[in-house]
PDB file of N, CA and C in Angstrom:
ATOM      1  N   UNK A   1      91.299 114.617 111.213  1.00  0.00           N
ATOM      2  CA  UNK A   1      91.774 113.703 110.420  1.00  0.00           C
ATOM      3  C   UNK A   1      92.358 112.788 110.843  1.00  0.00           C
ATOM      4  N   UNK A   2      93.016 111.461 110.921  1.00  0.00           N
ATOM      5  CA  UNK A   2      93.887 110.803 111.263  1.00  0.00           C
ATOM      6  C   UNK A   2      95.310 111.005 110.533  1.00  0.00           C
ATOM      7  N   UNK A   3      96.109 110.826 111.817  1.00  0.00           N
ATOM      8  CA  UNK A   3      97.411 111.361 110.720  1.00  0.00           C
ATOM      9  C   UNK A   3      97.815 110.201 109.845  1.00  0.00           C
ATOM     10  N   UNK A   4      98.745 110.102 109.088  1.00  0.00           N
ATOM     11  CA  UNK A   4      99.271 109.654 107.955  1.00  0.00           C
ATOM     12  C   UNK A   4     100.735 108.992 108.342  1.00  0.00           C
ATOM     13  N   UNK A   5     100.908 108.063 108.204  1.00  0.00           N
ATOM     14  CA  UNK A   5     100.138 106.780 107.369  1.00  0.00           C
ATOM     15  C   UNK A   5      99.361 106.066 108.718  1.00  0.00           C
ATOM     16  N   UNK A   6      98.339 105.752 108.193  1.00  0.00           N
ATOM     17  CA  UNK A   6      97.543 104.984 109.384  1.00  0.00           C
ATOM     18  C   UNK A   6      98.459 103.774 110.353  1.00  0.00           C
ATOM     19  N   UNK A   7      99.170 102.958 109.634  1.00  0.00           N
ATOM     20  CA  UNK A   7     100.235 102.181 109.935  1.00  0.00           C
ATOM     21  C   UNK A   7     101.348 102.028 110.145  1.00  0.00           C
ATOM     22  N   UNK A   8     101.747 102.528 111.177  1.00  0.00           N
ATOM     23  CA  UNK A   8     103.353 102.986 111.566  1.00  0.00           C
ATOM     24  C   UNK A   8     104.415 102.189 110.896  1.00  0.00           C
ATOM     25  N   UNK A   9     105.561 103.063 111.000  1.00  0.00           N
ATOM     26  CA  UNK A   9     106.416 102.765 109.960  1.00  0.00           C
ATOM     27  C   UNK A   9     106.735 101.162 110.709  1.00  0.00           C
ATOM     28  N   UNK A  10     106.782 101.159 111.936  1.00  0.00           N
ATOM     29  CA  UNK A  10     107.197 100.175 112.579  1.00  0.00           C
ATOM     30  C   UNK A  10     106.279  98.665 112.348  1.00  0.00           C
ATOM     31  N   UNK A  11     105.151  99.271 112.071  1.00  0.00           N
ATOM     32  CA  UNK A  11     104.364  97.514 111.721  1.00  0.00           C
ATOM     33  C   UNK A  11     104.437  97.094 110.258  1.00  0.00           C
ATOM     34  N   UNK A  12     104.816  98.042 109.736  1.00  0.00           N
ATOM     35  CA  UNK A  12     105.108  97.795 108.118  1.00  0.00           C
ATOM     36  C   UNK A  12     106.263  96.765 108.065  1.00  0.00           C
ATOM     37  N   UNK A  13     107.075  97.560 108.365  1.00  0.00           N
ATOM     38  CA  UNK A  13     108.529  97.120 108.487  1.00  0.00           C
ATOM     39  C   UNK A  13     108.627  95.279 109.254  1.00  0.00           C
ATOM     40  N   UNK A  14     107.586  95.328 110.377  1.00  0.00           N
ATOM     41  CA  UNK A  14     107.405  94.061 111.018  1.00  0.00           C
ATOM     42  C   UNK A  14     107.009  92.518 109.930  1.00  0.00           C
ATOM     43  N   UNK A  15     106.003  93.832 109.284  1.00  0.00           N
ATOM     44  CA  UNK A  15     104.771  92.281 109.001  1.00  0.00           C
ATOM     45  C   UNK A  15     105.927  92.274 107.527  1.00  0.00           C
ATOM     46  N   UNK A  16     106.606  92.791 106.737  1.00  0.00           N
ATOM     47  CA  UNK A  16     107.632  92.204 105.899  1.00  0.00           C
ATOM     48  C   UNK A  16     108.639  91.735 106.317  1.00  0.00           C
ATOM     49  N   UNK A  17     109.291  91.666 107.797  1.00  0.00           N
ATOM     50  CA  UNK A  17     110.422  91.500 108.286  1.00  0.00           C
ATOM     51  C   UNK A  17     109.925  89.791 108.433  1.00  0.00           C
ATOM     52  N   UNK A  18     108.534  89.674 108.884  1.00  0.00           N
ATOM     53  CA  UNK A  18     107.664  88.178 108.794  1.00  0.00           C
ATOM     54  C   UNK A  18     107.999  86.920 107.780  1.00  0.00           C
ATOM     55  N   UNK A  19     108.373  87.655 106.548  1.00  0.00           N
ATOM     56  CA  UNK A  19     108.174  86.692 105.753  1.00  0.00           C
ATOM     57  C   UNK A  19     109.491  85.956 105.421  1.00  0.00           C
ATOM     58  N   UNK A  20     109.404  84.969 105.467  1.00  0.00           N
ATOM     59  CA  UNK A  20     110.787  83.462 105.557  1.00  0.00           C
ATOM     60  C   UNK A  20     111.464  83.914 104.229  1.00  0.00           C
ATOM     61  N   UNK A  21     111.264  84.296 103.142  1.00  0.00           N
ATOM     62  CA  UNK A  21     112.020  85.106 102.192  1.00  0.00           C
ATOM     63  C   UNK A  21     112.807  85.939 102.280  1.00  0.00           C
ATOM     64  N   UNK A  22     112.212  87.086 103.141  1.00  0.00           N
ATOM     65  CA  UNK A  22     113.127  88.671 103.503  1.00  0.00           C
ATOM     66  C   UNK A  22     114.398  87.859 104.831  1.00  0.00           C
ATOM     67  N   UNK A  23     115.520  88.136 104.239  1.00  0.00           N
ATOM     68  CA  UNK A  23     116.527  88.587 105.463  1.00  0.00           C
ATOM     69  C   UNK A  23     116.640  90.119 106.023  1.00  0.00           C
ATOM     70  N   UNK A  24     116.545  91.211 105.224  1.00  0.00           N
ATOM     71  CA  UNK A  24     116.317  92.327 105.734  1.00  0.00           C
ATOM     72  C   UNK A  24     115.441  93.748 105.233  1.00  0.00           C
ATOM     73  N   UNK A  25     114.813  94.133 106.376  1.00  0.00           N
ATOM     74  CA  UNK A  25     113.547  95.271 106.184  1.00  0.00           C
ATOM     75  C   UNK A  25     114.265  96.163 106.842  1.00  0.00           C
ATOM     76  N   UNK A  26     114.595  97.832 106.450  1.00  0.00           N
ATOM     77  CA  UNK A  26     115.159  99.033 106.637  1.00  0.00           C
ATOM     78  C   UNK A  26     114.508  99.678 105.986  1.00  0.00           C
ATOM     79  N   UNK A  27     114.422 101.009 107.080  1.00  0.00           N
ATOM     80  CA  UNK A  27     113.594 102.357 106.493  1.00  0.00           C
ATOM     81  C   UNK A  27     115.164 103.239 106.100  1.00  0.00           C
ATOM     82  N   UNK A  28     114.972 103.861 105.547  1.00  0.00           N
ATOM     83  CA  UNK A  28     116.032 105.086 105.505  1.00  0.00           C
ATOM     84  C   UNK A  28     115.392 106.517 105.548  1.00  0.00           C
ATOM     85  N   UNK A  29     116.455 107.320 105.934  1.00  0.00           N
ATOM     86  CA  UNK A  29     116.599 108.412 106.106  1.00  0.00           C
ATOM     87  C   UNK A  29     117.039 109.790 104.458  1.00  0.00           C
ATOM     88  N   UNK A  30     117.872 108.871 104.333  1.00  0.00           N
ATOM     89  CA  UNK A  30     118.312 109.633 102.844  1.00  0.00           C
ATOM     90  C   UNK A  30     116.948 110.182 101.543  1.00  0.00           C
ATOM     91  N   UNK A  31     116.832 110.805 100.677  1.00  0.00           N
ATOM     92  CA  UNK A  31     116.142 111.128  99.765  1.00  0.00           C
ATOM     93  C   UNK A  31     116.371 110.010  98.439  1.00  0.00           C
ATOM     94  N   UNK A  32     117.064 108.569  98.800  1.00  0.00           N
ATOM     95  CA  UNK A  32     117.179 107.788  97.771  1.00  0.00           C
ATOM     96  C   UNK A  32     117.729 106.399  98.756  1.00  0.00           C
ATOM     97  N   UNK A  33     117.407 105.109  98.261  1.00  0.00           N
ATOM     98  CA  UNK A  33     118.119 104.216  99.062  1.00  0.00           C
ATOM     99  C   UNK A  33     119.555 104.127  98.744  1.00  0.00           C
ATOM    100  N   UNK A  34     120.316 104.413  97.880  1.00  0.00           N
ATOM    101  CA  UNK A  34     121.423 104.210  96.719  1.00  0.00           C
ATOM    102  C   UNK A  34     122.574 103.630  97.896  1.00  0.00           C
ATOM    103  N   UNK A  35     122.629 104.777  98.739  1.00  0.00           N
ATOM    104  CA  UNK A  35     123.495 104.520 100.040  1.00  0.00           C
ATOM    105  C   UNK A  35     123.560 103.047 100.741  1.00  0.00           C
ATOM    106  N   UNK A  36     122.646 102.920 101.104  1.00  0.00           N
ATOM    107  CA  UNK A  36     122.214 101.564 102.104  1.00  0.00           C
ATOM    108  C   UNK A  36     122.376 100.366 100.876  1.00  0.00           C
ATOM    109  N   UNK A  37     121.862 100.358  99.291  1.00  0.00           N
ATOM    110  CA  UNK A  37     122.269  99.375  98.806  1.00  0.00           C
ATOM    111  C   UNK A  37     123.182  98.966  98.495  1.00  0.00           C
ATOM    112  N   UNK A  38     124.306 100.321  98.393  1.00  0.00           N
ATOM    113  CA  UNK A  38     125.733  99.910  98.253  1.00  0.00           C
ATOM    114  C   UNK A  38     126.236  99.366  99.297  1.00  0.00           C
ATOM    115  N   UNK A  39     125.934  99.309 100.315  1.00  0.00           N
ATOM    116  CA  UNK A  39     126.406  98.790 101.509  1.00  0.00           C
ATOM    117  C   UNK A  39     126.180  97.417 102.084  1.00  0.00           C
ATOM    118  N   UNK A  40     124.468  97.252 101.657  1.00  0.00           N
ATOM    119  CA  UNK A  40     123.991  96.055 101.650  1.00  0.00           C
ATOM    120  C   UNK A  40     124.381  94.561 100.699  1.00  0.00           C
ATOM    121  N   UNK A  41     124.258  95.431  99.640  1.00  0.00           N
ATOM    122  CA  UNK A  41     124.432  94.620  98.378  1.00  0.00           C
ATOM    123  C   UNK A  41     123.933  93.429  97.978  1.00  0.00           C
ATOM    124  N   UNK A  42     122.277  93.834  97.975  1.00  0.00           N
ATOM    125  CA  UNK A  42     121.140  92.811  98.004  1.00  0.00           C
ATOM    126  C   UNK A  42     121.543  91.934  96.778  1.00  0.00           C
ATOM    127  N   UNK A  43     120.935  90.595  97.206  1.00  0.00           N
ATOM    128  CA  UNK A  43     120.656  90.039  96.242  1.00  0.00           C
ATOM    129  C   UNK A  43     119.365  89.970  95.384  1.00  0.00           C
ATOM    130  N   UNK A  44     118.468  90.562  95.895  1.00  0.00           N
ATOM    131  CA  UNK A  44     116.973  90.833  95.328  1.00  0.00           C
ATOM    132  C   UNK A  44     117.119  92.230  95.585  1.00  0.00           C
ATOM    133  N   UNK A  45     116.794  93.539  94.893  1.00  0.00           N
ATOM    134  CA  UNK A  45     116.132  94.397  95.127  1.00  0.00           C
ATOM    135  C   UNK A  45     114.725  94.680  94.752  1.00  0.00           C
ATOM    136  N   UNK A  46     113.946  94.960  95.855  1.00  0.00           N
ATOM    137  CA  UNK A  46     112.148  95.024  95.353  1.00  0.00           C
ATOM    138  C   UNK A  46     111.303  95.859  95.337  1.00  0.00           C
ATOM    139  N   UNK A  47     110.903  96.518  94.615  1.00  0.00           N
ATOM    140  CA  UNK A  47     110.013  97.764  94.567  1.00  0.00           C
ATOM    141  C   UNK A  47     108.309  97.446  94.474  1.00  0.00           C
ATOM    142  N   UNK A  48     107.531  98.372  94.389  1.00  0.00           N
ATOM    143  CA  UNK A  48     106.429  98.008  93.964  1.00  0.00           C
ATOM    144  C   UNK A  48     106.086  98.400  92.271  1.00  0.00           C
ATOM    145  N   UNK A  49     105.148  97.344  91.872  1.00  0.00           N
ATOM    146  CA  UNK A  49     104.581  97.636  90.347  1.00  0.00           C
ATOM    147  C   UNK A  49     104.533  98.813  89.488  1.00  0.00           C
ATOM    148  N   UNK A  50     104.576 100.196  90.790  1.00  0.00           N
ATOM    149  CA  UNK A  50     104.288 101.471  89.821  1.00  0.00           C
ATOM    150  C   UNK A  50     105.857 101.710  89.108  1.00  0.00           C
ATOM    151  N   UNK A  51     106.514 101.144  89.684  1.00  0.00           N
ATOM    152  CA  UNK A  51     108.055 101.371  89.004  1.00  0.00           C
ATOM    153  C   UNK A  51     108.926 100.658  88.182  1.00  0.00           C
ATOM    154  N   UNK A  52     109.079 100.638  87.119  1.00  0.00           N
ATOM    155  CA  UNK A  52     109.959  99.858  85.920  1.00  0.00           C
ATOM    156  C   UNK A  52     110.951  99.537  86.785  1.00  0.00           C
ATOM    157  N   UNK A  53     111.433  98.273  86.253  1.00  0.00           N
ATOM    158  CA  UNK A  53     112.829  97.805  86.944  1.00  0.00           C
ATOM    159  C   UNK A  53     113.954  98.296  86.546  1.00  0.00           C
ATOM    160  N   UNK A  54     114.072  98.752  85.744  1.00  0.00           N
ATOM    161  CA  UNK A  54     115.037 100.162  85.184  1.00  0.00           C
ATOM    162  C   UNK A  54     115.075 101.426  85.725  1.00  0.00           C
ATOM    163  N   UNK A  55     113.527 101.873  86.527  1.00  0.00           N
ATOM    164  CA  UNK A  55     113.912 102.866  87.529  1.00  0.00           C
ATOM    165  C   UNK A  55     113.832 103.423  88.294  1.00  0.00           C
ATOM    166  N   UNK A  56     114.241 102.126  88.925  1.00  0.00           N
ATOM    167  CA  UNK A  56     114.473 101.781  90.636  1.00  0.00           C
ATOM    168  C   UNK A  56     115.955 101.867  90.848  1.00  0.00           C
ATOM    169  N   UNK A  57     116.066 103.016  91.803  1.00  0.00           N
ATOM    170  CA  UNK A  57     116.832 103.269  92.196  1.00  0.00           C
ATOM    171  C   UNK A  57     117.967 102.658  92.986  1.00  0.00           C
ATOM    172  N   UNK A  58     118.985 102.045  91.998  1.00  0.00           N
ATOM    173  CA  UNK A  58     120.529 101.054  92.787  1.00  0.00           C
ATOM    174  C   UNK A  58     120.299  99.916  91.772  1.00  0.00           C
ATOM    175  N   UNK A  59     118.997  99.697  90.646  1.00  0.00           N
ATOM    176  CA  UNK A  59     119.186  98.712  90.002  1.00  0.00           C
ATOM    177  C   UNK A  59     120.378  98.507  89.195  1.00  0.00           C
ATOM    178  N   UNK A  60     121.118  99.348  88.604  1.00  0.00           N
ATOM    179  CA  UNK A  60     122.046  98.986  88.530  1.00  0.00           C
ATOM    180  C   UNK A  60     123.186  98.349  88.788  1.00  0.00           C
ATOM    181  N   UNK A  61     123.502  98.981  90.037  1.00  0.00           N
ATOM    182  CA  UNK A  61     124.463  98.324  91.289  1.00  0.00           C
ATOM    183  C   UNK A  61     123.917  96.961  91.383  1.00  0.00           C
ATOM    184  N   UNK A  62     123.030  96.878  91.642  1.00  0.00           N
ATOM    185  CA  UNK A  62     122.413  95.309  92.336  1.00  0.00           C
ATOM    186  C   UNK A  62     122.883  94.389  90.929  1.00  0.00           C
ATOM    187  N   UNK A  63     122.570  94.694  90.285  1.00  0.00           N
ATOM    188  CA  UNK A  63     122.986  94.416  88.411  1.00  0.00           C
ATOM    189  C   UNK A  63     124.186  93.400  88.387  1.00  0.00           C
ATOM    190  N   UNK A  64     124.827  94.773  88.589  1.00  0.00           N
ATOM    191  CA  UNK A  64     126.574  94.947  88.124  1.00  0.00           C
ATOM    192  C   UNK A  64     126.704  93.902  89.246  1.00  0.00           C
ATOM    193  N   UNK A  65     126.315  93.750  90.453  1.00  0.00           N
ATOM    194  CA  UNK A  65     127.038  92.421  91.712  1.00  0.00           C
ATOM    195  C   UNK A  65     126.322  91.622  91.577  1.00  0.00           C
ATOM    196  N   UNK A  66     125.453  91.135  90.544  1.00  0.00           N
ATOM    197  CA  UNK A  66     124.516  89.982  90.195  1.00  0.00           C
ATOM    198  C   UNK A  66     123.436  89.781  90.884  1.00  0.00           C
ATOM    199  N   UNK A  67     123.152  90.811  91.324  1.00  0.00           N
ATOM    200  CA  UNK A  67     121.694  90.111  92.159  1.00  0.00           C
ATOM    201  C   UNK A  67     120.546  90.822  90.973  1.00  0.00           C
ATOM    202  N   UNK A  68     119.216  90.635  91.459  1.00  0.00           N
ATOM    203  CA  UNK A  68     118.120  90.882  90.469  1.00  0.00           C
ATOM    204  C   UNK A  68     117.048  92.034  91.288  1.00  0.00           C
ATOM    205  N   UNK A  69     116.458  92.356  89.967  1.00  0.00           N
ATOM    206  CA  UNK A  69     115.368  93.702  90.931  1.00  0.00           C
ATOM    207  C   UNK A  69     114.468  93.063  89.808  1.00  0.00           C
ATOM    208  N   UNK A  70     113.291  93.637  91.129  1.00  0.00           N
ATOM    209  CA  UNK A  70     111.892  93.172  90.712  1.00  0.00           C
ATOM    210  C   UNK A  70     111.169  93.866  90.990  1.00  0.00           C
ATOM    211  N   UNK A  71     110.243  94.526  89.826  1.00  0.00           N
ATOM    212  CA  UNK A  71     109.088  95.387  90.026  1.00  0.00           C
ATOM    213  C   UNK A  71     107.858  94.462  90.348  1.00  0.00           C
ATOM    214  N   UNK A  72     107.597  94.494  91.718  1.00  0.00           N
ATOM    215  CA  UNK A  72     106.225  93.496  91.775  1.00  0.00           C
ATOM    216  C   UNK A  72     104.658  94.038  91.551  1.00  0.00           C
ATOM    217  N   UNK A  73     104.102  93.753  90.937  1.00  0.00           N
ATOM    218  CA  UNK A  73     102.583  94.046  90.305  1.00  0.00           C
ATOM    219  C   UNK A  73     102.074  94.030  91.294  1.00  0.00           C
ATOM    220  N   UNK A  74     101.060  94.868  91.673  1.00  0.00           N
ATOM    221  CA  UNK A  74      99.849  95.102  92.537  1.00  0.00           C
ATOM    222  C   UNK A  74      99.022  93.752  92.163  1.00  0.00           C
ATOM    223  N   UNK A  75      98.682  93.197  93.274  1.00  0.00           N
ATOM    224  CA  UNK A  75      97.899  92.454  92.775  1.00  0.00           C
ATOM    225  C   UNK A  75      96.245  92.565  93.127  1.00  0.00           C
ATOM    226  N   UNK A  76      96.518  93.357  94.504  1.00  0.00           N
ATOM    227  CA  UNK A  76      95.186  93.660  94.915  1.00  0.00           C
ATOM    228  C   UNK A  76      95.393  95.388  94.704  1.00  0.00           C
ATOM    229  N   UNK A  77      94.203  96.367  94.627  1.00  0.00           N
ATOM    230  CA  UNK A  77      94.393  97.674  94.854  1.00  0.00           C
ATOM    231  C   UNK A  77      93.986  97.862  96.249  1.00  0.00           C
ATOM    232  N   UNK A  78      94.528  98.342  97.382  1.00  0.00           N
ATOM    233  CA  UNK A  78      94.513  98.514  98.645  1.00  0.00           C
ATOM    234  C   UNK A  78      95.355  99.843  98.738  1.00  0.00           C
ATOM    235  N   UNK A  79      93.977 100.626  99.203  1.00  0.00           N
ATOM    236  CA  UNK A  79      94.233 102.283  99.768  1.00  0.00           C
ATOM    237  C   UNK A  79      94.143 102.244 101.072  1.00  0.00           C
ATOM    238  N   UNK A  80      95.386 102.925 102.360  1.00  0.00           N
ATOM    239  CA  UNK A  80      94.677 103.427 103.697  1.00  0.00           C
ATOM    240  C   UNK A  80      93.710 104.369 103.179  1.00  0.00           C
ATOM    241  N   UNK A  81      93.655 105.427 102.500  1.00  0.00           N
ATOM    242  CA  UNK A  81      92.696 106.387 102.143  1.00  0.00           C
ATOM    243  C   UNK A  81      90.960 105.896 102.159  1.00  0.00           C
ATOM    244  N   UNK A  82      90.932 105.076 100.950  1.00  0.00           N
ATOM    245  CA  UNK A  82      89.906 104.121 100.974  1.00  0.00           C
ATOM    246  C   UNK A  82      89.330 103.380 102.469  1.00  0.00           C
ATOM    247  N   UNK A  83      90.361 103.060 102.798  1.00  0.00           N
ATOM    248  CA  UNK A  83      89.994 102.246 104.435  1.00  0.00           C
ATOM    249  C   UNK A  83      89.376 103.094 104.808  1.00  0.00           C
ATOM    250  N   UNK A  84      90.191 104.391 105.294  1.00  0.00           N
ATOM    251  CA  UNK A  84      89.470 105.160 106.251  1.00  0.00           C
ATOM    252  C   UNK A  84      88.214 105.788 105.420  1.00  0.00           C
ATOM    253  N   UNK A  85      88.202 106.084 104.386  1.00  0.00           N
ATOM    254  CA  UNK A  85      86.905 106.423 103.828  1.00  0.00           C
ATOM    255  C   UNK A  85      85.492 105.496 104.307  1.00  0.00           C
ATOM    256  N   UNK A  86      86.061 104.453 103.910  1.00  0.00           N
ATOM    257  CA  UNK A  86      84.796 102.977 104.032  1.00  0.00           C
ATOM    258  C   UNK A  86      84.890 102.958 105.754  1.00  0.00           C
ATOM    259  N   UNK A  87      85.066 103.344 106.347  1.00  0.00           N
ATOM    260  CA  UNK A  87      85.207 103.223 107.896  1.00  0.00           C
ATOM    261  C   UNK A  87      84.019 104.498 108.167  1.00  0.00           C
ATOM    262  N   UNK A  88      84.637 105.375 108.283  1.00  0.00           N
ATOM    263  CA  UNK A  88      84.012 106.680 108.033  1.00  0.00           C
ATOM    264  C   UNK A  88      82.514 106.678 107.559  1.00  0.00           C
ATOM    265  N   UNK A  89      82.073 105.705 106.438  1.00  0.00           N
ATOM    266  CA  UNK A  89      80.653 105.543 105.747  1.00  0.00           C
ATOM    267  C   UNK A  89      80.862 106.617 104.466  1.00  0.00           C
ATOM    268  N   UNK A  90      81.665 106.607 104.472  1.00  0.00           N
ATOM    269  CA  UNK A  90      81.934 108.122 102.787  1.00  0.00           C
ATOM    270  C   UNK A  90      81.458 107.266 101.788  1.00  0.00           C
TER     271      UNK A  90
END
């Protein structure tokens, strides 16, 4: 079985960083990104739509600094597991 994730972190970061509207993309080793959010003080904090905006770690801090928190809905259902299964013909 292939190791997961199939797309290395560096590749995923590069895709997001290539977007013109994105100023910073980073990874973190802590349990939550709160310390990083407090350092960076982003204008926008974005997370996948499976998280309600009020439950996103750092949401209160971003809003307190005048920022906006976004919970983006998934437009397309994509799954690495499904892709691997299709490649294998499962």
